[in-house]
Amino acid sequence: MSLELVSFITQNLVTEPDKLAVVTTQNNSRNLRIEIRCAPDDTGRIIGRGGRIINSIRTLARAASDGRQRVEVQLID
């Protein structure tokens, strides 16, 4: 659920959705890492002023998880 939510939010933020990639890796059953890759021009749109947007995305992803997993969202350059 968290991956779909992060994908939906970021697709609506960026100007070049074809260069957007949202992938997930799961280290074990308790850790979920979501990585966002985008065009260089869209990085600022995802981060937001003072990091507000990326922090909001992280909060929503954690809230959408089932509570048993630790969710980490990273923007990769």
Protein backbone atom coordinates (compact mmCIF):
# COMPACT_ATOMS: atom_id res chain seq x y z
CA MET A 1 0.00 0.00 0.00
CA SER A 2 2.79 2.44 0.83
CA LEU A 3 4.47 1.96 -2.54
CA GLU A 4 1.29 2.72 -4.47
CA LEU A 5 0.63 5.81 -2.36
CA VAL A 6 4.16 7.18 -2.86
CA SER A 7 3.93 6.47 -6.61
CA PHE A 8 0.61 8.28 -6.90
CA ILE A 9 1.79 11.34 -4.98
CA THR A 10 5.10 11.70 -6.82
CA GLN A 11 3.53 11.18 -10.28
CA ASN A 12 1.26 14.12 -9.62
CA LEU A 13 4.13 16.33 -8.43
CA VAL A 14 6.66 15.93 -11.23
CA THR A 15 6.64 17.50 -14.68
CA GLU A 16 8.37 14.52 -16.33
CA PRO A 17 6.55 11.41 -15.07
CA ASP A 18 8.25 9.20 -17.68
CA LYS A 19 11.59 9.71 -15.88
CA LEU A 20 10.11 8.86 -12.47
CA ALA A 21 10.94 5.52 -10.86
CA VAL A 22 9.64 4.40 -7.49
CA VAL A 23 11.12 1.09 -6.39
CA THR A 24 11.09 -0.83 -3.16
CA THR A 25 13.55 -3.12 -1.44
CA GLN A 26 12.77 -5.16 1.62
CA ASN A 27 15.74 -6.05 3.83
CA ASN A 28 13.76 -8.40 6.03
CA SER A 29 10.14 -8.75 7.03
CA ARG A 30 10.25 -5.58 9.16
CA ASN A 31 12.10 -3.02 6.99
CA LEU A 32 10.72 -1.57 3.76
CA ARG A 33 12.78 0.97 1.79
CA ILE A 34 11.12 3.02 -0.96
CA GLU A 35 13.48 4.79 -3.35
CA ILE A 36 12.36 7.66 -5.58
CA ARG A 37 14.36 8.53 -8.68
CA CYS A 38 13.36 11.44 -10.90
CA ALA A 39 14.62 13.98 -13.41
CA PRO A 40 17.02 16.57 -11.93
CA ASP A 41 14.52 19.38 -12.56
CA ASP A 42 11.85 17.58 -10.52
CA THR A 43 14.00 17.00 -7.44
CA GLY A 44 13.05 20.36 -5.95
CA ARG A 45 9.36 19.67 -6.48
CA ILE A 46 9.58 16.45 -4.49
CA ILE A 47 11.72 17.92 -1.71
CA GLY A 48 9.68 21.10 -1.34
CA ARG A 49 10.55 24.24 0.58
CA GLY A 50 12.48 23.22 3.65
CA GLY A 51 11.86 19.53 2.92
CA ARG A 52 8.18 19.79 3.75
CA ILE A 53 6.89 17.70 0.84
CA ILE A 54 9.32 14.80 1.20
CA ASN A 55 8.67 14.73 4.95
CA SER A 56 4.93 14.64 4.29
CA ILE A 57 5.41 11.77 1.84
CA ARG A 58 7.40 9.88 4.50
CA THR A 59 4.68 10.47 7.09
CA LEU A 60 1.94 9.27 4.75
CA ALA A 61 3.93 6.18 3.74
CA ARG A 62 4.45 5.23 7.38
CA ALA A 63 0.76 5.79 8.13
CA ALA A 64 -0.26 3.62 5.16
CA SER A 65 1.87 0.69 6.32
CA ASP A 66 0.33 -2.04 8.42
CA GLY A 67 2.25 -0.96 11.52
CA ARG A 68 4.46 -4.03 11.61
CA GLN A 69 6.94 -2.68 9.06
CA ARG A 70 9.40 0.16 9.35
CA VAL A 71 9.06 2.29 6.20
CA GLU A 72 11.88 4.49 4.92
CA VAL A 73 11.47 6.81 1.92
CA GLN A 74 14.58 8.13 0.16
CA LEU A 75 15.04 10.45 -2.80
CA ILE A 76 17.98 9.17 -4.85
CA ASP A 77 19.94 11.53 -7.13
